[in-house]
């Protein structure tokens, strides 16, 4: 099944409705605008190219094998409990995205989302900008590479968090009870009670390690700028 938008004398095809395309396998959408919320439920083999979803509330729930390229979506609870997601050039504006999702690979995205990637597993995000509160809580195996991240009390309660060449902007109270391998560029405003691992950055604000809550010996915090000055 293929839905396409053809440009012909200014006309194009738009998918309207509500709660459409459920229990569907192997569907491809190209150059399409989807104005319906709750599209795609319990479906698999979904391919989207040049798709716009201005009302994407509760879209892509409990789906599998999703491939997205140049997709723009606005709406809360995007891709909840979905598995096997690949996205390139994704623009997403909506809270609680990818909750309970797994096996996710995202490249070149702009994600504005409170509570993104909660309860998620096996997530890799590269070359992207992410902004929102409480990023990634209660998740396992989250990797961010070459990203700019802004998050109030973000990246907490994570088992195996990896950051490579990322900048953390206005990110406070980070990494609480997370096991971490962080190599950040620039300054981290504040850190609160990481569980274990290594955190490297070019400077830190407030660092809180409470012995009654975590073992401070299990986390190494390295100031790259201080190391450079001693060489």
N, C-alpha and C. Protein backbone atom coordinates (compact mmCIF):
# COMPACT_ATOMS: atom_id res chain seq x y z
N UNK A 1 0.85 -1.19 0.00
CA UNK A 1 0.00 0.00 0.00
C UNK A 1 0.89 1.24 0.00
N UNK A 2 0.68 2.17 -0.94
CA UNK A 2 1.50 3.36 -1.06
C UNK A 2 0.60 4.58 -1.11
N UNK A 3 0.86 5.55 -0.24
CA UNK A 3 0.17 6.83 -0.31
C UNK A 3 1.20 7.85 -0.76
N UNK A 4 0.92 8.59 -1.84
CA UNK A 4 1.86 9.57 -2.35
C UNK A 4 1.15 10.90 -2.59
N UNK A 5 1.94 11.96 -2.52
CA UNK A 5 1.43 13.27 -2.84
C UNK A 5 2.05 13.71 -4.16
N UNK A 6 1.26 13.90 -5.17
CA UNK A 6 1.74 14.34 -6.47
C UNK A 6 1.40 15.81 -6.65
N UNK A 7 2.34 16.59 -7.08
CA UNK A 7 2.10 18.00 -7.34
C UNK A 7 1.54 18.16 -8.75
N UNK A 8 0.31 18.61 -8.82
CA UNK A 8 -0.36 18.78 -10.11
C UNK A 8 -1.29 19.98 -10.00
N UNK A 9 -0.92 21.06 -10.60
CA UNK A 9 -1.70 22.29 -10.60
C UNK A 9 -2.03 22.72 -9.16
N UNK A 10 -1.01 22.58 -8.29
CA UNK A 10 -1.17 23.06 -6.93
C UNK A 10 -1.92 22.12 -6.01
N UNK A 11 -2.36 20.96 -6.53
CA UNK A 11 -3.10 20.02 -5.70
C UNK A 11 -2.16 18.97 -5.11
N UNK A 12 -2.50 18.44 -3.96
CA UNK A 12 -1.74 17.35 -3.38
C UNK A 12 -2.68 16.47 -2.56
N UNK A 13 -2.18 15.29 -2.26
CA UNK A 13 -2.98 14.32 -1.52
C UNK A 13 -2.65 14.41 -0.04
N UNK A 14 -3.66 14.51 0.80
CA UNK A 14 -3.50 14.62 2.25
C UNK A 14 -4.36 13.55 2.91
N UNK A 15 -3.76 12.86 3.89
CA UNK A 15 -4.51 11.84 4.62
C UNK A 15 -5.21 12.48 5.81
N UNK A 16 -6.54 12.47 5.82
CA UNK A 16 -7.34 12.98 6.93
C UNK A 16 -7.92 11.79 7.70
N UNK A 17 -8.61 12.10 8.78
CA UNK A 17 -9.28 11.05 9.54
C UNK A 17 -8.77 11.03 10.96
N UNK A 18 -9.09 9.97 11.67
CA UNK A 18 -8.65 9.82 13.06
C UNK A 18 -8.43 8.34 13.32
N UNK A 19 -7.31 8.06 13.98
CA UNK A 19 -7.00 6.68 14.36
C UNK A 19 -6.99 5.76 13.14
N UNK A 20 -6.31 6.22 12.09
CA UNK A 20 -6.26 5.40 10.88
C UNK A 20 -4.99 4.58 10.78
N UNK A 21 -4.96 3.66 9.85
CA UNK A 21 -3.83 2.79 9.53
C UNK A 21 -3.41 2.00 10.76
N UNK A 22 -4.28 1.15 11.24
CA UNK A 22 -3.98 0.24 12.36
C UNK A 22 -3.87 -1.20 11.81
N UNK A 23 -3.08 -2.00 12.51
CA UNK A 23 -2.94 -3.43 12.18
C UNK A 23 -2.54 -3.65 10.72
N UNK A 24 -1.61 -2.82 10.26
CA UNK A 24 -1.20 -2.85 8.85
C UNK A 24 0.26 -3.28 8.75
N UNK A 25 0.58 -4.04 7.71
CA UNK A 25 1.96 -4.48 7.48
C UNK A 25 2.45 -3.96 6.13
N UNK A 26 3.74 -3.55 6.14
CA UNK A 26 4.43 -3.17 4.91
C UNK A 26 3.70 -2.05 4.17
N UNK A 27 3.76 -0.87 4.77
CA UNK A 27 3.14 0.31 4.17
C UNK A 27 4.21 1.37 3.93
N UNK A 28 4.14 2.04 2.79
CA UNK A 28 5.09 3.08 2.43
C UNK A 28 4.35 4.38 2.13
N UNK A 29 4.81 5.47 2.74
CA UNK A 29 4.21 6.78 2.50
C UNK A 29 5.31 7.73 2.05
N UNK A 30 5.07 8.43 0.94
CA UNK A 30 6.05 9.37 0.41
C UNK A 30 5.37 10.68 0.07
N UNK A 31 6.05 11.80 0.41
CA UNK A 31 5.54 13.12 0.05
C UNK A 31 4.08 13.28 0.47
N UNK A 32 3.84 13.01 1.74
CA UNK A 32 2.46 12.94 2.25
C UNK A 32 2.32 13.79 3.51
N UNK A 33 1.17 14.40 3.67
CA UNK A 33 0.80 15.07 4.91
C UNK A 33 -0.27 14.25 5.61
N UNK A 34 -0.03 13.90 6.87
CA UNK A 34 -0.99 13.16 7.67
C UNK A 34 -1.51 14.10 8.76
N UNK A 35 -2.78 14.46 8.68
CA UNK A 35 -3.34 15.41 9.63
C UNK A 35 -4.12 14.73 10.75
N UNK A 36 -4.13 13.43 10.78
CA UNK A 36 -4.89 12.68 11.78
C UNK A 36 -4.00 12.29 12.95
N UNK A 37 -4.49 12.41 14.19
CA UNK A 37 -3.76 11.86 15.33
C UNK A 37 -3.96 10.34 15.40
N UNK A 38 -3.18 9.71 16.23
CA UNK A 38 -3.31 8.28 16.53
C UNK A 38 -3.17 7.40 15.28
N UNK A 39 -2.38 7.87 14.32
CA UNK A 39 -2.14 7.07 13.13
C UNK A 39 -1.08 6.02 13.43
N UNK A 40 -1.23 4.85 12.88
CA UNK A 40 -0.33 3.70 13.05
C UNK A 40 -0.41 3.14 14.48
N UNK A 41 -1.04 2.00 14.62
CA UNK A 41 -1.07 1.24 15.87
C UNK A 41 -0.90 -0.23 15.52
N UNK A 42 -0.04 -0.89 16.25
CA UNK A 42 0.19 -2.33 16.08
C UNK A 42 0.44 -2.70 14.61
N UNK A 43 1.24 -1.86 13.97
CA UNK A 43 1.59 -2.08 12.57
C UNK A 43 3.08 -2.36 12.47
N UNK A 44 3.51 -2.90 11.32
CA UNK A 44 4.93 -3.21 11.13
C UNK A 44 5.32 -2.96 9.68
N UNK A 45 6.63 -2.76 9.48
CA UNK A 45 7.11 -2.51 8.13
C UNK A 45 6.64 -1.17 7.59
N UNK A 46 6.86 -0.11 8.36
CA UNK A 46 6.39 1.23 7.99
C UNK A 46 7.56 2.03 7.44
N UNK A 47 7.43 2.56 6.23
CA UNK A 47 8.46 3.41 5.62
C UNK A 47 7.84 4.76 5.30
N UNK A 48 8.50 5.84 5.74
CA UNK A 48 8.01 7.19 5.47
C UNK A 48 9.13 8.05 4.92
N UNK A 49 8.85 8.75 3.81
CA UNK A 49 9.79 9.68 3.19
C UNK A 49 9.08 10.99 2.92
N UNK A 50 9.68 12.07 3.40
CA UNK A 50 9.10 13.40 3.17
C UNK A 50 7.65 13.44 3.66
N UNK A 51 7.46 13.11 4.92
CA UNK A 51 6.12 13.05 5.50
C UNK A 51 6.01 14.12 6.60
N UNK A 52 4.89 14.83 6.60
CA UNK A 52 4.60 15.84 7.61
C UNK A 52 3.39 15.41 8.41
N UNK A 53 3.51 15.47 9.75
CA UNK A 53 2.41 15.10 10.63
C UNK A 53 2.18 16.24 11.63
N UNK A 54 1.35 17.21 11.29
CA UNK A 54 1.15 18.35 12.17
C UNK A 54 0.31 18.06 13.41
N UNK A 55 -0.33 16.91 13.44
CA UNK A 55 -1.14 16.51 14.61
C UNK A 55 -0.85 15.06 14.92
N UNK A 56 0.35 14.82 15.44
CA UNK A 56 0.85 13.44 15.60
C UNK A 56 0.68 12.91 17.02
N UNK A 57 -0.29 13.41 17.76
CA UNK A 57 -0.53 12.88 19.11
C UNK A 57 -0.77 11.37 19.06
N UNK A 58 -0.07 10.65 19.91
CA UNK A 58 -0.27 9.20 20.08
C UNK A 58 -0.11 8.44 18.77
N UNK A 59 0.83 8.86 17.96
CA UNK A 59 1.10 8.23 16.67
C UNK A 59 2.23 7.22 16.81
N UNK A 60 2.17 6.15 16.01
CA UNK A 60 3.19 5.08 16.00
C UNK A 60 3.27 4.38 17.36
N UNK A 61 2.17 3.86 17.83
CA UNK A 61 2.15 3.11 19.09
C UNK A 61 2.20 1.61 18.80
N UNK A 62 3.04 0.92 19.57
CA UNK A 62 3.13 -0.54 19.49
C UNK A 62 3.38 -1.02 18.06
N UNK A 63 4.29 -0.34 17.38
CA UNK A 63 4.64 -0.71 16.02
C UNK A 63 6.06 -1.27 15.96
N UNK A 64 6.40 -1.90 14.84
CA UNK A 64 7.72 -2.50 14.65
C UNK A 64 8.27 -2.16 13.26
N UNK A 65 9.59 -2.13 13.20
CA UNK A 65 10.28 -1.96 11.91
C UNK A 65 9.81 -0.70 11.19
N UNK A 66 10.24 0.43 11.75
CA UNK A 66 9.84 1.75 11.24
C UNK A 66 11.08 2.43 10.65
N UNK A 67 10.96 2.92 9.43
CA UNK A 67 12.06 3.63 8.78
C UNK A 67 11.54 5.00 8.34
N UNK A 68 12.17 6.07 8.88
CA UNK A 68 11.72 7.42 8.60
C UNK A 68 12.86 8.26 8.04
N UNK A 69 12.58 9.02 7.00
CA UNK A 69 13.55 9.94 6.42
C UNK A 69 12.85 11.24 6.06
N UNK A 70 13.38 12.33 6.56
CA UNK A 70 12.79 13.66 6.35
C UNK A 70 11.33 13.67 6.79
N UNK A 71 11.15 13.34 8.06
CA UNK A 71 9.82 13.33 8.68
C UNK A 71 9.74 14.47 9.69
N UNK A 72 8.64 15.19 9.67
CA UNK A 72 8.36 16.26 10.63
C UNK A 72 7.07 15.93 11.36
N UNK A 73 7.12 15.94 12.70
CA UNK A 73 5.94 15.56 13.49
C UNK A 73 5.79 16.49 14.69
N UNK A 74 4.53 16.83 14.99
CA UNK A 74 4.21 17.60 16.19
C UNK A 74 3.12 16.87 16.95
N UNK A 75 3.42 16.49 18.18
CA UNK A 75 2.41 15.80 18.98
C UNK A 75 3.04 15.02 20.11
N UNK A 76 2.29 14.82 21.18
CA UNK A 76 2.78 14.12 22.37
C UNK A 76 2.67 12.60 22.21
N UNK A 77 3.50 11.90 22.97
CA UNK A 77 3.51 10.43 23.01
C UNK A 77 3.76 9.82 21.64
N UNK A 78 4.76 10.33 20.94
CA UNK A 78 5.13 9.81 19.63
C UNK A 78 5.94 8.52 19.81
N UNK A 79 5.59 7.48 19.07
CA UNK A 79 6.34 6.21 19.02
C UNK A 79 6.42 5.50 20.37
N UNK A 80 5.36 5.50 21.11
CA UNK A 80 5.33 4.82 22.40
C UNK A 80 5.32 3.30 22.21
N UNK A 81 6.19 2.61 22.93
CA UNK A 81 6.26 1.14 22.92
C UNK A 81 6.48 0.57 21.52
N UNK A 82 7.19 1.29 20.69
CA UNK A 82 7.52 0.78 19.36
C UNK A 82 8.96 0.29 19.33
N UNK A 83 9.28 -0.59 18.37
CA UNK A 83 10.57 -1.27 18.36
C UNK A 83 11.13 -1.34 16.93
N UNK A 84 12.45 -1.17 16.86
CA UNK A 84 13.10 -1.23 15.55
C UNK A 84 12.85 0.04 14.75
N UNK A 85 13.35 1.19 15.27
CA UNK A 85 13.09 2.48 14.66
C UNK A 85 14.38 3.04 14.08
N UNK A 86 14.36 3.43 12.82
CA UNK A 86 15.47 4.12 12.18
C UNK A 86 14.95 5.44 11.64
N UNK A 87 15.62 6.55 11.99
CA UNK A 87 15.16 7.86 11.55
C UNK A 87 16.34 8.73 11.14
N UNK A 88 16.17 9.43 10.02
CA UNK A 88 17.17 10.37 9.51
C UNK A 88 16.47 11.67 9.16
N UNK A 89 17.07 12.78 9.57
CA UNK A 89 16.47 14.09 9.32
C UNK A 89 15.06 14.16 9.90
N UNK A 90 14.97 13.87 11.18
CA UNK A 90 13.71 13.89 11.90
C UNK A 90 13.56 15.21 12.64
N UNK A 91 12.38 15.82 12.52
CA UNK A 91 12.03 16.99 13.32
C UNK A 91 10.81 16.64 14.16
N UNK A 92 10.99 16.63 15.47
CA UNK A 92 9.92 16.18 16.37
C UNK A 92 9.70 17.21 17.47
N UNK A 93 8.47 17.67 17.60
CA UNK A 93 8.09 18.62 18.63
C UNK A 93 6.89 18.04 19.37
N UNK A 94 7.14 17.48 20.55
CA UNK A 94 6.06 16.86 21.32
C UNK A 94 6.62 16.13 22.51
N UNK A 95 5.93 16.19 23.62
CA UNK A 95 6.43 15.61 24.86
C UNK A 95 6.21 14.10 24.93
N UNK A 96 7.03 13.45 25.79
CA UNK A 96 6.90 12.03 26.10
C UNK A 96 7.15 11.13 24.89
N UNK A 97 8.07 11.53 24.04
CA UNK A 97 8.35 10.75 22.83
C UNK A 97 9.20 9.52 23.14
N UNK A 98 8.97 8.45 22.39
CA UNK A 98 9.72 7.20 22.44
C UNK A 98 9.66 6.53 23.83
N UNK A 99 8.61 6.75 24.56
CA UNK A 99 8.44 6.11 25.87
C UNK A 99 8.28 4.60 25.68
N UNK A 100 9.11 3.83 26.34
CA UNK A 100 9.01 2.37 26.27
C UNK A 100 9.46 1.79 24.94
N UNK A 101 10.09 2.58 24.10
CA UNK A 101 10.54 2.09 22.79
C UNK A 101 11.93 1.45 22.89
N UNK A 102 12.31 0.68 21.88
CA UNK A 102 13.61 0.01 21.92
C UNK A 102 14.19 -0.13 20.52
N UNK A 103 15.50 -0.37 20.50
CA UNK A 103 16.24 -0.59 19.24
C UNK A 103 16.01 0.58 18.28
N UNK A 104 16.51 1.75 18.71
CA UNK A 104 16.28 3.01 18.02
C UNK A 104 17.61 3.56 17.53
N UNK A 105 17.66 3.97 16.26
CA UNK A 105 18.81 4.67 15.68
C UNK A 105 18.32 5.94 15.01
N UNK A 106 18.82 7.09 15.50
CA UNK A 106 18.39 8.39 14.99
C UNK A 106 19.62 9.19 14.59
N UNK A 107 19.56 9.81 13.40
CA UNK A 107 20.69 10.60 12.90
C UNK A 107 20.17 11.91 12.33
N UNK A 108 20.82 13.00 12.70
CA UNK A 108 20.44 14.33 12.21
C UNK A 108 18.99 14.63 12.53
N UNK A 109 18.73 14.85 13.81
CA UNK A 109 17.37 15.13 14.27
C UNK A 109 17.34 16.40 15.11
N UNK A 110 16.17 16.99 15.14
CA UNK A 110 15.88 18.05 16.10
C UNK A 110 14.69 17.57 16.92
N UNK A 111 14.91 17.35 18.20
CA UNK A 111 13.88 16.79 19.07
C UNK A 111 13.63 17.77 20.22
N UNK A 112 12.43 18.31 20.28
CA UNK A 112 11.99 19.18 21.37
C UNK A 112 10.93 18.41 22.13
N UNK A 113 11.31 17.86 23.29
CA UNK A 113 10.41 16.88 23.92
C UNK A 113 10.74 16.72 25.39
N UNK A 114 9.81 17.03 26.25
CA UNK A 114 9.94 16.72 27.67
C UNK A 114 9.81 15.21 27.86
N UNK A 115 10.67 14.64 28.71
CA UNK A 115 10.61 13.21 29.05
C UNK A 115 10.79 12.30 27.84
N UNK A 116 11.68 12.67 26.94
CA UNK A 116 11.96 11.80 25.80
C UNK A 116 12.76 10.58 26.24
N UNK A 117 12.51 9.46 25.56
CA UNK A 117 13.27 8.21 25.77
C UNK A 117 13.15 7.68 27.20
N UNK A 118 12.02 7.84 27.83
CA UNK A 118 11.80 7.21 29.14
C UNK A 118 11.55 5.71 28.93
N UNK A 119 12.04 4.90 29.87
CA UNK A 119 11.79 3.46 29.85
C UNK A 119 12.20 2.83 28.52
N UNK A 120 13.17 3.44 27.85
CA UNK A 120 13.60 2.97 26.54
C UNK A 120 14.82 2.05 26.67
N UNK A 121 15.13 1.35 25.58
CA UNK A 121 16.24 0.40 25.60
C UNK A 121 16.93 0.38 24.24
N UNK A 122 18.26 0.39 24.28
CA UNK A 122 19.08 0.30 23.05
C UNK A 122 18.78 1.46 22.10
N UNK A 123 19.20 2.64 22.52
CA UNK A 123 18.95 3.87 21.77
C UNK A 123 20.28 4.51 21.39
N UNK A 124 20.44 4.87 20.11
CA UNK A 124 21.60 5.63 19.65
C UNK A 124 21.13 6.84 18.88
N UNK A 125 21.58 8.02 19.31
CA UNK A 125 21.23 9.28 18.65
C UNK A 125 22.52 9.98 18.27
N UNK A 126 22.65 10.36 16.99
CA UNK A 126 23.87 11.00 16.51
C UNK A 126 23.55 12.33 15.82
N UNK A 127 24.49 13.27 15.95
CA UNK A 127 24.44 14.52 15.16
C UNK A 127 23.10 15.23 15.29
N UNK A 128 22.62 15.35 16.51
CA UNK A 128 21.27 15.85 16.73
C UNK A 128 21.22 16.90 17.83
N UNK A 129 20.11 17.63 17.88
CA UNK A 129 19.84 18.59 18.94
C UNK A 129 18.61 18.12 19.70
N UNK A 130 18.75 18.02 21.03
CA UNK A 130 17.67 17.53 21.88
C UNK A 130 17.45 18.54 23.00
N UNK A 131 16.20 18.96 23.19
CA UNK A 131 15.90 19.91 24.25
C UNK A 131 14.62 19.48 24.96
N UNK A 132 14.67 19.45 26.29
CA UNK A 132 13.51 19.07 27.08
C UNK A 132 13.92 18.63 28.47
N UNK A 133 12.97 18.53 29.35
CA UNK A 133 13.24 18.14 30.72
C UNK A 133 13.32 16.61 30.87
N UNK A 134 14.10 16.16 31.86
CA UNK A 134 14.08 14.77 32.32
C UNK A 134 14.34 13.76 31.21
N UNK A 135 15.37 14.00 30.44
CA UNK A 135 15.70 13.14 29.31
C UNK A 135 16.15 11.75 29.76
N UNK A 136 15.54 10.71 29.21
CA UNK A 136 16.06 9.36 29.30
C UNK A 136 15.90 8.63 30.60
N UNK A 137 15.02 9.04 31.48
CA UNK A 137 14.93 8.38 32.79
C UNK A 137 14.52 6.91 32.65
N UNK A 138 15.04 6.10 33.56
CA UNK A 138 14.67 4.69 33.71
C UNK A 138 14.92 3.87 32.45
N UNK A 139 16.00 4.18 31.75
CA UNK A 139 16.28 3.51 30.49
C UNK A 139 17.58 2.72 30.56
N UNK A 140 17.83 1.92 29.53
CA UNK A 140 19.01 1.05 29.46
C UNK A 140 19.67 1.21 28.10
N UNK A 141 21.00 1.37 28.12
CA UNK A 141 21.80 1.45 26.89
C UNK A 141 21.39 2.63 26.01
N UNK A 142 21.66 3.84 26.50
CA UNK A 142 21.42 5.06 25.74
C UNK A 142 22.77 5.65 25.32
N UNK A 143 22.93 5.93 24.03
CA UNK A 143 24.15 6.51 23.50
C UNK A 143 23.81 7.78 22.71
N UNK A 144 24.54 8.86 23.02
CA UNK A 144 24.40 10.11 22.28
C UNK A 144 25.78 10.50 21.76
N UNK A 145 25.89 10.73 20.45
CA UNK A 145 27.16 11.09 19.83
C UNK A 145 27.00 12.38 19.03
N UNK A 146 27.92 13.31 19.25
CA UNK A 146 27.93 14.58 18.50
C UNK A 146 26.59 15.30 18.60
N UNK A 147 26.05 15.34 19.80
CA UNK A 147 24.75 15.97 20.01
C UNK A 147 24.88 17.20 20.89
N UNK A 148 23.91 18.10 20.74
CA UNK A 148 23.74 19.19 21.70
C UNK A 148 22.48 18.90 22.49
N UNK A 149 22.63 18.85 23.81
CA UNK A 149 21.56 18.42 24.70
C UNK A 149 21.27 19.51 25.72
N UNK A 150 19.99 19.84 25.87
CA UNK A 150 19.54 20.76 26.91
C UNK A 150 18.47 20.04 27.71
N UNK A 151 18.71 19.88 29.03
CA UNK A 151 17.78 19.06 29.80
C UNK A 151 17.88 19.37 31.28
N UNK A 152 16.77 19.77 31.87
CA UNK A 152 16.70 19.93 33.32
C UNK A 152 16.65 18.55 33.97
N UNK A 153 17.59 18.27 34.85
CA UNK A 153 17.65 16.99 35.56
C UNK A 153 17.55 15.82 34.59
N UNK A 154 18.36 15.89 33.54
CA UNK A 154 18.30 14.88 32.50
C UNK A 154 19.26 13.73 32.72
N UNK A 155 18.97 12.63 32.02
CA UNK A 155 19.84 11.46 31.96
C UNK A 155 20.07 10.83 33.33
N UNK A 156 18.98 10.64 34.06
CA UNK A 156 19.02 10.05 35.40
C UNK A 156 18.41 8.64 35.38
N UNK A 157 18.84 7.82 36.33
CA UNK A 157 18.30 6.47 36.50
C UNK A 157 18.50 5.64 35.23
N UNK A 158 19.66 5.79 34.60
CA UNK A 158 19.96 5.08 33.36
C UNK A 158 21.04 4.04 33.61
N UNK A 159 20.82 2.85 33.10
CA UNK A 159 21.82 1.79 33.14
C UNK A 159 22.59 1.80 31.82
N UNK A 160 23.83 2.28 31.87
CA UNK A 160 24.73 2.37 30.72
C UNK A 160 24.36 3.54 29.81
N UNK A 161 24.74 4.72 30.25
CA UNK A 161 24.62 5.94 29.47
C UNK A 161 25.98 6.30 28.88
N UNK A 162 26.02 6.52 27.55
CA UNK A 162 27.26 6.88 26.87
C UNK A 162 27.05 8.20 26.14
N UNK A 163 27.94 9.16 26.38
CA UNK A 163 27.95 10.42 25.66
C UNK A 163 29.32 10.60 25.03
N UNK A 164 29.35 10.87 23.72
CA UNK A 164 30.59 11.08 22.99
C UNK A 164 30.51 12.42 22.25
N UNK A 165 31.43 13.31 22.60
CA UNK A 165 31.55 14.59 21.88
C UNK A 165 30.22 15.35 21.89
N UNK A 166 29.57 15.38 23.03
CA UNK A 166 28.29 16.09 23.18
C UNK A 166 28.48 17.37 23.98
N UNK A 167 27.64 18.35 23.69
CA UNK A 167 27.59 19.57 24.49
C UNK A 167 26.30 19.58 25.30
N UNK A 168 26.43 19.87 26.59
CA UNK A 168 25.28 19.90 27.48
C UNK A 168 25.01 21.36 27.84
N UNK A 169 23.93 21.90 27.29
CA UNK A 169 23.58 23.30 27.46
C UNK A 169 22.47 23.41 28.50
N UNK A 170 22.68 24.24 29.52
CA UNK A 170 21.66 24.44 30.56
C UNK A 170 21.18 23.11 31.12
N UNK A 171 22.11 22.20 31.30
CA UNK A 171 21.76 20.87 31.81
C UNK A 171 22.19 20.79 33.28
N UNK A 172 21.20 20.66 34.15
CA UNK A 172 21.46 20.68 35.58
C UNK A 172 21.00 19.39 36.25
N UNK A 173 21.62 19.10 37.40
CA UNK A 173 21.27 17.92 38.21
C UNK A 173 21.31 16.65 37.37
N UNK A 174 22.35 16.54 36.56
CA UNK A 174 22.43 15.43 35.60
C UNK A 174 22.98 14.16 36.24
N UNK A 175 22.59 13.03 35.63
CA UNK A 175 23.19 11.71 35.85
C UNK A 175 22.85 11.06 37.19
N UNK A 176 21.81 11.50 37.87
CA UNK A 176 21.50 10.91 39.17
C UNK A 176 21.21 9.42 39.04
N UNK A 177 21.92 8.63 39.83
CA UNK A 177 21.78 7.17 39.89
C UNK A 177 21.96 6.51 38.52
N UNK A 178 22.77 7.11 37.66
CA UNK A 178 23.07 6.51 36.35
C UNK A 178 24.49 5.96 36.34
N UNK A 179 24.69 4.87 35.61
CA UNK A 179 26.04 4.39 35.31
C UNK A 179 26.43 5.02 33.98
N UNK A 180 27.59 5.71 33.96
CA UNK A 180 27.87 6.64 32.86
C UNK A 180 29.26 6.44 32.27
N UNK A 181 29.37 6.79 30.99
CA UNK A 181 30.64 6.96 30.29
C UNK A 181 30.48 8.22 29.46
N UNK A 182 30.84 9.36 30.03
CA UNK A 182 30.53 10.66 29.46
C UNK A 182 31.82 11.36 29.05
N UNK A 183 31.88 11.77 27.79
CA UNK A 183 32.97 12.60 27.28
C UNK A 183 32.33 13.80 26.61
N UNK A 184 32.16 14.86 27.39
CA UNK A 184 31.42 16.04 26.93
C UNK A 184 32.36 17.15 26.51
N UNK A 185 31.88 17.96 25.58
CA UNK A 185 32.58 19.17 25.18
C UNK A 185 31.93 20.35 25.88
N UNK A 186 32.76 21.24 26.42
CA UNK A 186 32.21 22.39 27.10
C UNK A 186 31.95 22.10 28.57
N UNK A 187 31.06 22.89 29.13
CA UNK A 187 30.82 22.98 30.57
C UNK A 187 29.54 22.24 30.94
N UNK A 188 29.56 21.56 32.08
CA UNK A 188 28.36 20.94 32.63
C UNK A 188 27.96 21.71 33.88
N UNK A 189 26.73 22.21 33.91
CA UNK A 189 26.31 23.12 34.98
C UNK A 189 26.27 22.45 36.34
N UNK A 190 25.69 21.25 36.43
CA UNK A 190 25.68 20.56 37.72
C UNK A 190 25.45 19.07 37.56
N UNK A 191 26.01 18.31 38.49
CA UNK A 191 25.93 16.86 38.51
C UNK A 191 25.43 16.43 39.88
N UNK A 192 24.52 15.46 39.90
CA UNK A 192 23.96 14.99 41.16
C UNK A 192 24.04 13.47 41.26
N UNK A 193 24.84 12.97 42.15
CA UNK A 193 24.84 11.56 42.56
C UNK A 193 24.83 10.55 41.42
N UNK A 194 25.81 10.62 40.50
CA UNK A 194 25.93 9.51 39.54
C UNK A 194 26.27 8.22 40.27
N UNK A 195 25.86 7.10 39.72
CA UNK A 195 26.05 5.82 40.39
C UNK A 195 27.46 5.28 40.20
N UNK A 196 27.97 5.35 38.96
CA UNK A 196 29.30 4.83 38.68
C UNK A 196 29.74 5.28 37.29
N UNK A 197 31.06 5.17 37.02
CA UNK A 197 31.57 5.44 35.69
C UNK A 197 32.51 6.63 35.66
N UNK A 198 32.62 7.25 34.48
CA UNK A 198 33.53 8.37 34.25
C UNK A 198 32.79 9.51 33.57
N UNK A 199 33.05 10.73 34.04
CA UNK A 199 32.47 11.93 33.44
C UNK A 199 33.62 12.89 33.14
N UNK A 200 33.79 13.22 31.85
CA UNK A 200 34.82 14.16 31.43
C UNK A 200 34.14 15.36 30.78
N UNK A 201 34.64 16.57 31.09
CA UNK A 201 34.12 17.78 30.47
C UNK A 201 35.18 18.87 30.59
N UNK A 202 34.90 20.02 29.98
CA UNK A 202 35.84 21.14 30.01
C UNK A 202 35.57 22.08 31.17
N UNK A 203 34.84 21.60 32.15
CA UNK A 203 34.55 22.39 33.33
C UNK A 203 33.22 21.98 33.93
N UNK A 204 33.08 22.24 35.23
CA UNK A 204 31.88 21.82 35.95
C UNK A 204 31.41 22.93 36.87
N UNK A 205 30.10 22.98 37.08
CA UNK A 205 29.53 23.82 38.11
C UNK A 205 29.48 23.05 39.42
N UNK A 206 28.31 22.90 39.97
CA UNK A 206 28.17 22.22 41.26
C UNK A 206 28.18 20.71 41.06
N UNK A 207 29.02 20.02 41.82
CA UNK A 207 29.07 18.56 41.81
C UNK A 207 28.64 18.06 43.18
N UNK A 208 27.59 17.26 43.22
CA UNK A 208 27.07 16.71 44.48
C UNK A 208 27.22 15.20 44.47
N UNK A 209 28.00 14.70 45.42
CA UNK A 209 28.16 13.25 45.61
C UNK A 209 27.90 12.96 47.09
N UNK A 210 26.73 12.46 47.40
CA UNK A 210 26.32 12.24 48.78
C UNK A 210 26.64 10.80 49.19
N UNK A 211 27.58 10.61 50.11
CA UNK A 211 28.02 9.25 50.49
C UNK A 211 26.89 8.39 51.03
N UNK A 212 25.87 9.01 51.60
CA UNK A 212 24.75 8.22 52.13
C UNK A 212 23.85 7.71 51.01
N UNK A 213 24.04 8.21 49.78
CA UNK A 213 23.22 7.80 48.65
C UNK A 213 23.99 7.02 47.59
N UNK A 214 25.23 7.42 47.33
CA UNK A 214 26.06 6.73 46.33
C UNK A 214 27.48 6.60 46.88
N UNK A 215 28.26 5.71 46.29
CA UNK A 215 29.67 5.57 46.64
C UNK A 215 30.48 6.51 45.75
N UNK A 216 31.01 7.63 46.27
CA UNK A 216 31.75 8.58 45.44
C UNK A 216 32.96 7.96 44.75
N UNK A 217 33.52 6.90 45.31
CA UNK A 217 34.70 6.27 44.72
C UNK A 217 34.39 5.56 43.40
N UNK A 218 33.14 5.31 43.13
CA UNK A 218 32.78 4.58 41.92
C UNK A 218 32.64 5.48 40.69
N UNK A 219 32.74 6.80 40.89
CA UNK A 219 32.61 7.72 39.76
C UNK A 219 33.83 8.62 39.68
N UNK A 220 34.48 8.62 38.52
CA UNK A 220 35.61 9.52 38.27
C UNK A 220 35.12 10.73 37.50
N UNK A 221 35.41 11.93 38.00
CA UNK A 221 35.01 13.17 37.34
C UNK A 221 36.29 13.91 36.95
N UNK A 222 36.48 14.09 35.64
CA UNK A 222 37.73 14.63 35.12
C UNK A 222 37.48 15.94 34.39
N UNK A 223 38.21 16.97 34.81
CA UNK A 223 38.11 18.29 34.20
C UNK A 223 39.16 18.39 33.10
N UNK A 224 38.74 18.33 31.85
CA UNK A 224 39.70 18.37 30.74
C UNK A 224 40.49 19.66 30.67
N UNK A 225 39.85 20.77 31.05
CA UNK A 225 40.55 22.05 31.00
C UNK A 225 41.66 22.11 32.04
N UNK A 226 41.43 21.52 33.22
CA UNK A 226 42.48 21.48 34.24
C UNK A 226 43.62 20.59 33.80
N UNK A 227 43.32 19.48 33.15
CA UNK A 227 44.36 18.58 32.65
C UNK A 227 45.22 19.28 31.61
N UNK A 228 44.58 20.06 30.72
CA UNK A 228 45.33 20.78 29.70
C UNK A 228 46.28 21.79 30.29
N UNK A 229 45.86 22.47 31.37
CA UNK A 229 46.72 23.49 31.97
C UNK A 229 47.94 22.92 32.64
N UNK A 230 47.87 21.65 33.06
CA UNK A 230 49.01 21.05 33.77
C UNK A 230 50.04 20.46 32.83
N UNK A 231 49.74 20.38 31.53
CA UNK A 231 50.67 19.78 30.58
C UNK A 231 51.77 20.77 30.16
